[in-house]
Amino acid sequence: MLDLSWSTIFEDWGGWALLKMATKLKVLNLSYCRSLTRTPDFSVFESLEILNLERSSDLNEIHPSLGDVKTLVSLNVKHCIRLKELPAGVGRMEELKELILYGSAIKEIPISRGCLTKLEILDATLCEKLAQLPEFMDSLVSLTKLNLDFCPIASIPSSIGHLPSLEQLSLHGCWLLREIPDSIGQSKSLTELDLKWTAIPEFPERIGNLHKRGSWTYVNSNNKIA
């Protein structure tokens, strides 16, 4: 593990050259590195499993080589308020289990068809630039928790209702959301569905199936079953 959190390192820091020898490094903590605007090349980190960039507030670019790190399990860019995009390769990762985008400026979640099959947690709370989700979410077969609270999302792809492992879906405060797909009622594992403070006027009839399995739903007082 290498912990450089709260340091004043920047993109041209001389120490990056020395780090190229750390090919077996598994954990790299760059959280609260507020002078860092770009990450280094990650191609030498053949064993990297955890990358923490939380609250590196000036960070605006992650080197595209991160997408080629086959061992990454966790990526945290929470409150990276200038980071607008992730490397496309992140959407093709084979081992990634946790993707924390909370409070970042991310505009799009890169999900490639048939990939991210081991992703378990996707937290995009307060991603105020995230206006839509990829249509093909069904490759996320291991996803158990999806949090999209306070995102300006107007629609939810029907593929979400077909995720076999999804247990928690939170859309709290998605003020532009006026409907949810009928497929949500077919979800086999969903036990928590939070729709508080959305613009949904009524729910599809099949959503009643969630209650039959003991699931529960937060609703506004004006919401009703269709």
C-alpha atoms as a PDB file:
ATOM      1  CA  MET A   1       0.000   0.000   0.000  1.00  0.00           C
ATOM      2  CA  LEU A   2       1.125   3.529  -0.783  1.00  0.00           C
ATOM      3  CA  ASP A   3      -0.661   6.350   1.041  1.00  0.00           C
ATOM      4  CA  LEU A   4      -0.056   9.809  -0.424  1.00  0.00           C
ATOM      5  CA  SER A   5      -3.290  11.325   0.867  1.00  0.00           C
ATOM      6  CA  TRP A   6      -3.303  14.996   1.882  1.00  0.00           C
ATOM      7  CA  SER A   7       0.008  15.554   0.085  1.00  0.00           C
ATOM      8  CA  THR A   8       0.850  18.436  -2.278  1.00  0.00           C
ATOM      9  CA  ILE A   9       1.923  16.235  -5.190  1.00  0.00           C
ATOM     10  CA  PHE A  10       1.036  17.352  -8.704  1.00  0.00           C
ATOM     11  CA  GLU A  11       1.161  15.904 -12.226  1.00  0.00           C
ATOM     12  CA  ASP A  12       4.857  16.693 -12.773  1.00  0.00           C
ATOM     13  CA  TRP A  13       5.993  15.473  -9.368  1.00  0.00           C
ATOM     14  CA  GLY A  14       9.401  13.795  -9.666  1.00  0.00           C
ATOM     15  CA  GLY A  15       8.397  10.896  -7.449  1.00  0.00           C
ATOM     16  CA  TRP A  16       6.191   9.358 -10.162  1.00  0.00           C
ATOM     17  CA  ALA A  17       9.304   8.012 -11.888  1.00  0.00           C
ATOM     18  CA  LEU A  18      10.267   6.095  -8.750  1.00  0.00           C
ATOM     19  CA  LEU A  19       6.778   4.646  -8.451  1.00  0.00           C
ATOM     20  CA  LYS A  20       7.173   2.941 -11.821  1.00  0.00           C
ATOM     21  CA  MET A  21       9.205   0.296 -10.001  1.00  0.00           C
ATOM     22  CA  ALA A  22       6.258  -0.554  -7.740  1.00  0.00           C
ATOM     23  CA  THR A  23       4.760  -3.051 -10.161  1.00  0.00           C
ATOM     24  CA  LYS A  24       3.230  -5.121  -7.323  1.00  0.00           C
ATOM     25  CA  LEU A  25       1.476  -2.182  -5.662  1.00  0.00           C
ATOM     26  CA  LYS A  26      -2.098  -3.107  -4.720  1.00  0.00           C
ATOM     27  CA  VAL A  27      -3.451   0.028  -2.991  1.00  0.00           C
ATOM     28  CA  LEU A  28      -2.800   3.628  -4.047  1.00  0.00           C
ATOM     29  CA  ASN A  29      -4.373   6.353  -1.919  1.00  0.00           C
ATOM     30  CA  LEU A  30      -4.350   9.780  -3.572  1.00  0.00           C
ATOM     31  CA  SER A  31      -7.305  11.179  -1.651  1.00  0.00           C
ATOM     32  CA  TYR A  32      -7.316  14.868  -0.692  1.00  0.00           C
ATOM     33  CA  CYS A  33      -4.415  15.612  -3.068  1.00  0.00           C
ATOM     34  CA  ARG A  34      -5.795  19.019  -3.924  1.00  0.00           C
ATOM     35  CA  SER A  35      -2.905  20.096  -6.172  1.00  0.00           C
ATOM     36  CA  LEU A  36      -3.251  17.062  -8.437  1.00  0.00           C
ATOM     37  CA  THR A  37      -4.909  17.855 -11.780  1.00  0.00           C
ATOM     38  CA  ARG A  38      -3.914  14.701 -13.701  1.00  0.00           C
ATOM     39  CA  THR A  39      -3.052  11.219 -12.511  1.00  0.00           C
ATOM     40  CA  PRO A  40       0.119   9.406 -13.585  1.00  0.00           C
ATOM     41  CA  ASP A  41       0.316   6.623 -16.147  1.00  0.00           C
ATOM     42  CA  PHE A  42      -0.997   3.462 -14.479  1.00  0.00           C
ATOM     43  CA  SER A  43       0.316   0.971 -17.023  1.00  0.00           C
ATOM     44  CA  VAL A  44       3.156  -0.202 -14.740  1.00  0.00           C
ATOM     45  CA  PHE A  45       0.822  -1.053 -11.848  1.00  0.00           C
ATOM     46  CA  GLU A  46       0.070  -4.604 -12.900  1.00  0.00           C
ATOM     47  CA  SER A  47      -1.431  -5.613  -9.523  1.00  0.00           C
ATOM     48  CA  LEU A  48      -3.319  -2.464  -8.508  1.00  0.00           C
ATOM     49  CA  GLU A  49      -6.620  -3.323  -6.799  1.00  0.00           C
ATOM     50  CA  ILE A  50      -7.719  -0.125  -5.029  1.00  0.00           C
ATOM     51  CA  LEU A  51      -7.397   3.446  -6.308  1.00  0.00           C
ATOM     52  CA  ASN A  52      -8.705   6.198  -4.024  1.00  0.00           C
ATOM     53  CA  LEU A  53      -8.911   9.709  -5.475  1.00  0.00           C
ATOM     54  CA  GLU A  54     -11.578  11.030  -3.115  1.00  0.00           C
ATOM     55  CA  ARG A  55     -11.727  14.826  -2.745  1.00  0.00           C
ATOM     56  CA  SER A  56      -8.806  15.510  -5.041  1.00  0.00           C
ATOM     57  CA  SER A  57     -10.749  18.614  -5.925  1.00  0.00           C
ATOM     58  CA  ASP A  58      -8.580  19.898  -8.808  1.00  0.00           C
ATOM     59  CA  LEU A  59      -8.384  16.539 -10.561  1.00  0.00           C
ATOM     60  CA  ASN A  60      -9.786  16.821 -14.081  1.00  0.00           C
ATOM     61  CA  GLU A  61      -8.192  13.873 -15.866  1.00  0.00           C
ATOM     62  CA  ILE A  62      -7.511  10.223 -15.098  1.00  0.00           C
ATOM     63  CA  HIS A  63      -4.857   8.735 -17.378  1.00  0.00           C
ATOM     64  CA  PRO A  64      -6.517   6.412 -19.926  1.00  0.00           C
ATOM     65  CA  SER A  65      -4.083   3.635 -18.992  1.00  0.00           C
ATOM     66  CA  LEU A  66      -6.229   2.982 -15.913  1.00  0.00           C
ATOM     67  CA  GLY A  67      -8.664   1.181 -18.178  1.00  0.00           C
ATOM     68  CA  ASP A  68      -5.983  -1.400 -18.925  1.00  0.00           C
ATOM     69  CA  VAL A  69      -5.413  -2.325 -15.283  1.00  0.00           C
ATOM     70  CA  LYS A  70      -7.014  -5.769 -15.199  1.00  0.00           C
ATOM     71  CA  THR A  71      -6.827  -6.196 -11.425  1.00  0.00           C
ATOM     72  CA  LEU A  72      -8.668  -3.089 -10.214  1.00  0.00           C
ATOM     73  CA  VAL A  73     -11.425  -3.893  -7.714  1.00  0.00           C
ATOM     74  CA  SER A  74     -12.325  -0.445  -6.342  1.00  0.00           C
ATOM     75  CA  LEU A  75     -12.290   3.050  -7.872  1.00  0.00           C
ATOM     76  CA  ASN A  76     -13.275   6.027  -5.728  1.00  0.00           C
ATOM     77  CA  VAL A  77     -13.582   9.531  -7.222  1.00  0.00           C
ATOM     78  CA  LYS A  78     -15.964  10.874  -4.583  1.00  0.00           C
ATOM     79  CA  HIS A  79     -16.201  14.676  -4.616  1.00  0.00           C
ATOM     80  CA  CYS A  80     -13.749  15.066  -7.494  1.00  0.00           C
ATOM     81  CA  ILE A  81     -15.735  18.119  -8.490  1.00  0.00           C
ATOM     82  CA  ARG A  82     -13.773  18.886 -11.684  1.00  0.00           C
ATOM     83  CA  LEU A  83     -13.672  15.342 -13.044  1.00  0.00           C
ATOM     84  CA  LYS A  84     -16.125  15.139 -15.953  1.00  0.00           C
ATOM     85  CA  GLU A  85     -15.315  11.724 -17.397  1.00  0.00           C
ATOM     86  CA  LEU A  86     -13.724   8.373 -16.690  1.00  0.00           C
ATOM     87  CA  PRO A  87     -11.432   6.537 -19.095  1.00  0.00           C
ATOM     88  CA  ALA A  88     -13.529   4.470 -21.502  1.00  0.00           C
ATOM     89  CA  GLY A  89     -11.603   1.376 -20.432  1.00  0.00           C
ATOM     90  CA  VAL A  90     -13.201   1.529 -16.975  1.00  0.00           C
ATOM     91  CA  GLY A  91     -16.380   0.265 -18.604  1.00  0.00           C
ATOM     92  CA  ARG A  92     -14.561  -2.879 -19.726  1.00  0.00           C
ATOM     93  CA  MET A  93     -12.970  -3.832 -16.435  1.00  0.00           C
ATOM     94  CA  GLU A  94     -13.277  -7.484 -15.491  1.00  0.00           C
ATOM     95  CA  GLU A  95     -12.624  -7.382 -11.731  1.00  0.00           C
ATOM     96  CA  LEU A  96     -14.145  -4.039 -10.682  1.00  0.00           C
ATOM     97  CA  LYS A  97     -16.557  -4.493  -7.764  1.00  0.00           C
ATOM     98  CA  GLU A  98     -16.995  -0.939  -6.476  1.00  0.00           C
ATOM     99  CA  LEU A  99     -17.366   2.328  -8.393  1.00  0.00           C
ATOM    100  CA  ILE A 100     -17.866   5.417  -6.238  1.00  0.00           C
ATOM    101  CA  LEU A 101     -18.713   8.568  -8.218  1.00  0.00           C
ATOM    102  CA  TYR A 102     -20.453  10.409  -5.367  1.00  0.00           C
ATOM    103  CA  GLY A 103     -20.488  14.195  -5.865  1.00  0.00           C
ATOM    104  CA  SER A 104     -18.207  14.191  -8.902  1.00  0.00           C
ATOM    105  CA  ALA A 105     -18.809  16.046 -12.184  1.00  0.00           C
ATOM    106  CA  ILE A 106     -19.080  12.798 -14.157  1.00  0.00           C
ATOM    107  CA  LYS A 107     -21.478  13.169 -17.099  1.00  0.00           C
ATOM    108  CA  GLU A 108     -21.585   9.549 -18.239  1.00  0.00           C
ATOM    109  CA  ILE A 109     -21.028   6.129 -16.729  1.00  0.00           C
ATOM    110  CA  PRO A 110     -18.947   4.083 -19.172  1.00  0.00           C
ATOM    111  CA  ILE A 111     -20.507   0.633 -19.343  1.00  0.00           C
ATOM    112  CA  SER A 112     -19.559  -1.624 -22.240  1.00  0.00           C
ATOM    113  CA  ARG A 113     -21.967  -4.336 -23.268  1.00  0.00           C
ATOM    114  CA  GLY A 114     -21.190  -7.633 -21.553  1.00  0.00           C
ATOM    115  CA  CYS A 115     -18.629  -6.071 -19.176  1.00  0.00           C
ATOM    116  CA  LEU A 116     -18.431  -5.038 -15.512  1.00  0.00           C
ATOM    117  CA  THR A 117     -19.992  -8.368 -14.638  1.00  0.00           C
ATOM    118  CA  LYS A 118     -18.454  -8.318 -11.129  1.00  0.00           C
ATOM    119  CA  LEU A 119     -19.531  -4.784 -10.204  1.00  0.00           C
ATOM    120  CA  GLU A 120     -21.475  -4.906  -6.925  1.00  0.00           C
ATOM    121  CA  ILE A 121     -21.773  -1.257  -5.843  1.00  0.00           C
ATOM    122  CA  LEU A 122     -22.361   1.776  -8.057  1.00  0.00           C
ATOM    123  CA  ASP A 123     -22.825   5.028  -6.143  1.00  0.00           C
ATOM    124  CA  ALA A 124     -23.508   8.135  -8.223  1.00  0.00           C
ATOM    125  CA  THR A 125     -25.180  10.198  -5.493  1.00  0.00           C
ATOM    126  CA  LEU A 126     -25.147  13.958  -6.163  1.00  0.00           C
ATOM    127  CA  CYS A 127     -23.651  13.608  -9.643  1.00  0.00           C
ATOM    128  CA  GLU A 128     -25.390  16.744 -10.861  1.00  0.00           C
ATOM    129  CA  LYS A 129     -24.124  16.376 -14.450  1.00  0.00           C
ATOM    130  CA  LEU A 130     -25.309  12.793 -14.854  1.00  0.00           C
ATOM    131  CA  ALA A 131     -28.499  13.089 -16.917  1.00  0.00           C
ATOM    132  CA  GLN A 132     -28.908   9.548 -18.228  1.00  0.00           C
ATOM    133  CA  LEU A 133     -27.869   5.939 -17.796  1.00  0.00           C
ATOM    134  CA  PRO A 134     -26.631   3.533 -20.474  1.00  0.00           C
ATOM    135  CA  GLU A 135     -29.442   1.557 -22.071  1.00  0.00           C
ATOM    136  CA  PHE A 136     -27.684  -1.769 -21.578  1.00  0.00           C
ATOM    137  CA  MET A 137     -27.368  -2.118 -17.805  1.00  0.00           C
ATOM    138  CA  ASP A 138     -28.167  -5.818 -17.913  1.00  0.00           C
ATOM    139  CA  SER A 139     -24.501  -6.834 -18.048  1.00  0.00           C
ATOM    140  CA  LEU A 140     -24.188  -5.758 -14.386  1.00  0.00           C
ATOM    141  CA  VAL A 141     -25.277  -9.182 -13.191  1.00  0.00           C
ATOM    142  CA  SER A 142     -23.560  -8.855  -9.784  1.00  0.00           C
ATOM    143  CA  LEU A 143     -24.818  -5.358  -8.965  1.00  0.00           C
ATOM    144  CA  THR A 144     -26.494  -5.304  -5.541  1.00  0.00           C
ATOM    145  CA  LYS A 145     -26.637  -1.546  -4.810  1.00  0.00           C
ATOM    146  CA  LEU A 146     -27.347   1.310  -7.225  1.00  0.00           C
ATOM    147  CA  ASN A 147     -27.556   4.807  -5.749  1.00  0.00           C
ATOM    148  CA  LEU A 148     -28.549   7.715  -7.998  1.00  0.00           C
ATOM    149  CA  ASP A 149     -29.850  10.151  -5.381  1.00  0.00           C
ATOM    150  CA  PHE A 150     -30.228  13.766  -6.530  1.00  0.00           C
ATOM    151  CA  CYS A 151     -29.143  13.139 -10.113  1.00  0.00           C
ATOM    152  CA  PRO A 152     -30.960  14.980 -12.971  1.00  0.00           C
ATOM    153  CA  ILE A 153     -32.094  11.708 -14.526  1.00  0.00           C
ATOM    154  CA  ALA A 154     -35.374  11.831 -16.430  1.00  0.00           C
ATOM    155  CA  SER A 155     -35.708   8.151 -17.308  1.00  0.00           C
ATOM    156  CA  ILE A 156     -34.563   4.719 -16.187  1.00  0.00           C
ATOM    157  CA  PRO A 157     -33.688   2.014 -18.745  1.00  0.00           C
ATOM    158  CA  SER A 158     -35.906  -1.057 -18.564  1.00  0.00           C
ATOM    159  CA  SER A 159     -32.812  -3.258 -18.319  1.00  0.00           C
ATOM    160  CA  ILE A 160     -32.486  -2.292 -14.631  1.00  0.00           C
ATOM    161  CA  GLY A 161     -35.492  -4.437 -13.826  1.00  0.00           C
ATOM    162  CA  HIS A 162     -33.671  -7.484 -15.168  1.00  0.00           C
ATOM    163  CA  LEU A 163     -30.616  -7.253 -12.922  1.00  0.00           C
ATOM    164  CA  PRO A 164     -30.634 -10.572 -11.035  1.00  0.00           C
ATOM    165  CA  SER A 165     -28.722  -9.424  -7.944  1.00  0.00           C
ATOM    166  CA  LEU A 166     -30.017  -5.877  -7.423  1.00  0.00           C
ATOM    167  CA  GLU A 167     -31.190  -5.442  -3.816  1.00  0.00           C
ATOM    168  CA  GLN A 168     -31.163  -1.665  -3.339  1.00  0.00           C
ATOM    169  CA  LEU A 169     -32.189   1.002  -5.847  1.00  0.00           C
ATOM    170  CA  SER A 170     -32.239   4.584  -4.591  1.00  0.00           C
ATOM    171  CA  LEU A 171     -33.576   7.404  -6.762  1.00  0.00           C
ATOM    172  CA  HIS A 172     -34.209   9.777  -3.887  1.00  0.00           C
ATOM    173  CA  GLY A 173     -34.387  13.389  -5.077  1.00  0.00           C
ATOM    174  CA  CYS A 174     -34.316  12.639  -8.822  1.00  0.00           C
ATOM    175  CA  TRP A 175     -36.685  15.546  -9.402  1.00  0.00           C
ATOM    176  CA  LEU A 176     -36.919  15.086 -13.194  1.00  0.00           C
ATOM    177  CA  LEU A 177     -37.917  11.441 -13.006  1.00  0.00           C
ATOM    178  CA  ARG A 178     -41.578  11.022 -13.981  1.00  0.00           C
ATOM    179  CA  GLU A 179     -41.788   7.270 -14.452  1.00  0.00           C
ATOM    180  CA  ILE A 180     -40.055   4.000 -13.763  1.00  0.00           C
ATOM    181  CA  PRO A 181     -40.087   1.027 -16.115  1.00  0.00           C
ATOM    182  CA  ASP A 182     -42.664  -1.694 -15.640  1.00  0.00           C
ATOM    183  CA  SER A 183     -39.791  -4.191 -15.463  1.00  0.00           C
ATOM    184  CA  ILE A 184     -38.970  -3.003 -11.915  1.00  0.00           C
ATOM    185  CA  GLY A 185     -41.866  -5.117 -10.697  1.00  0.00           C
ATOM    186  CA  GLN A 186     -40.180  -8.204 -12.141  1.00  0.00           C
ATOM    187  CA  SER A 187     -37.000  -7.742 -10.157  1.00  0.00           C
ATOM    188  CA  LYS A 188     -36.229 -10.929  -8.229  1.00  0.00           C
ATOM    189  CA  SER A 189     -33.900  -9.552  -5.573  1.00  0.00           C
ATOM    190  CA  LEU A 190     -34.987  -5.943  -4.990  1.00  0.00           C
ATOM    191  CA  THR A 191     -35.794  -5.288  -1.330  1.00  0.00           C
ATOM    192  CA  GLU A 192     -35.302  -1.508  -1.092  1.00  0.00           C
ATOM    193  CA  LEU A 193     -36.676   1.028  -3.571  1.00  0.00           C
ATOM    194  CA  ASP A 194     -36.477   4.731  -2.682  1.00  0.00           C
ATOM    195  CA  LEU A 195     -38.496   7.081  -4.908  1.00  0.00           C
ATOM    196  CA  LYS A 196     -38.885   9.923  -2.437  1.00  0.00           C
ATOM    197  CA  TRP A 197     -38.898  13.447  -3.930  1.00  0.00           C
ATOM    198  CA  THR A 198     -39.297  12.326  -7.528  1.00  0.00           C
ATOM    199  CA  ALA A 199     -41.880  13.614 -10.037  1.00  0.00           C
ATOM    200  CA  ILE A 200     -43.501  10.207 -10.519  1.00  0.00           C
ATOM    201  CA  PRO A 201     -47.307  10.709 -10.488  1.00  0.00           C
ATOM    202  CA  GLU A 202     -48.192   7.017 -10.469  1.00  0.00           C
ATOM    203  CA  PHE A 203     -46.504   3.640 -10.448  1.00  0.00           C
ATOM    204  CA  PRO A 204     -46.878   0.734 -12.881  1.00  0.00           C
ATOM    205  CA  GLU A 205     -49.207  -1.995 -11.670  1.00  0.00           C
ATOM    206  CA  ARG A 206     -46.465  -4.609 -11.458  1.00  0.00           C
ATOM    207  CA  ILE A 207     -44.666  -2.661  -8.750  1.00  0.00           C
ATOM    208  CA  GLY A 208     -47.133  -4.313  -6.376  1.00  0.00           C
ATOM    209  CA  ASN A 209     -45.165  -7.521  -6.845  1.00  0.00           C
ATOM    210  CA  LEU A 210     -42.378  -6.027  -4.743  1.00  0.00           C
ATOM    211  CA  HIS A 211     -44.672  -5.770  -1.736  1.00  0.00           C
ATOM    212  CA  LYS A 212     -45.753  -9.371  -2.173  1.00  0.00           C
ATOM    213  CA  ARG A 213     -42.150 -10.434  -1.646  1.00  0.00           C
ATOM    214  CA  GLY A 214     -41.771  -8.268   1.438  1.00  0.00           C
ATOM    215  CA  SER A 215     -40.014  -5.416  -0.374  1.00  0.00           C
ATOM    216  CA  TRP A 216     -40.808  -1.860   0.609  1.00  0.00           C
ATOM    217  CA  THR A 217     -41.048   1.445  -1.159  1.00  0.00           C
ATOM    218  CA  TYR A 218     -40.622   5.065  -0.099  1.00  0.00           C
ATOM    219  CA  VAL A 219     -43.196   7.227  -1.882  1.00  0.00           C
ATOM    220  CA  ASN A 220     -44.458  10.794  -1.972  1.00  0.00           C
ATOM    221  CA  SER A 221     -47.897  11.368  -0.534  1.00  0.00           C
ATOM    222  CA  ASN A 222     -49.324  12.021  -4.016  1.00  0.00           C
ATOM    223  CA  ASN A 223     -47.937   8.862  -5.626  1.00  0.00           C
ATOM    224  CA  LYS A 224     -50.366   6.091  -6.476  1.00  0.00           C
ATOM    225  CA  ILE A 225     -50.376   2.678  -8.095  1.00  0.00           C
ATOM    226  CA  ALA A 226     -51.518   2.787 -11.725  1.00  0.00           C
END
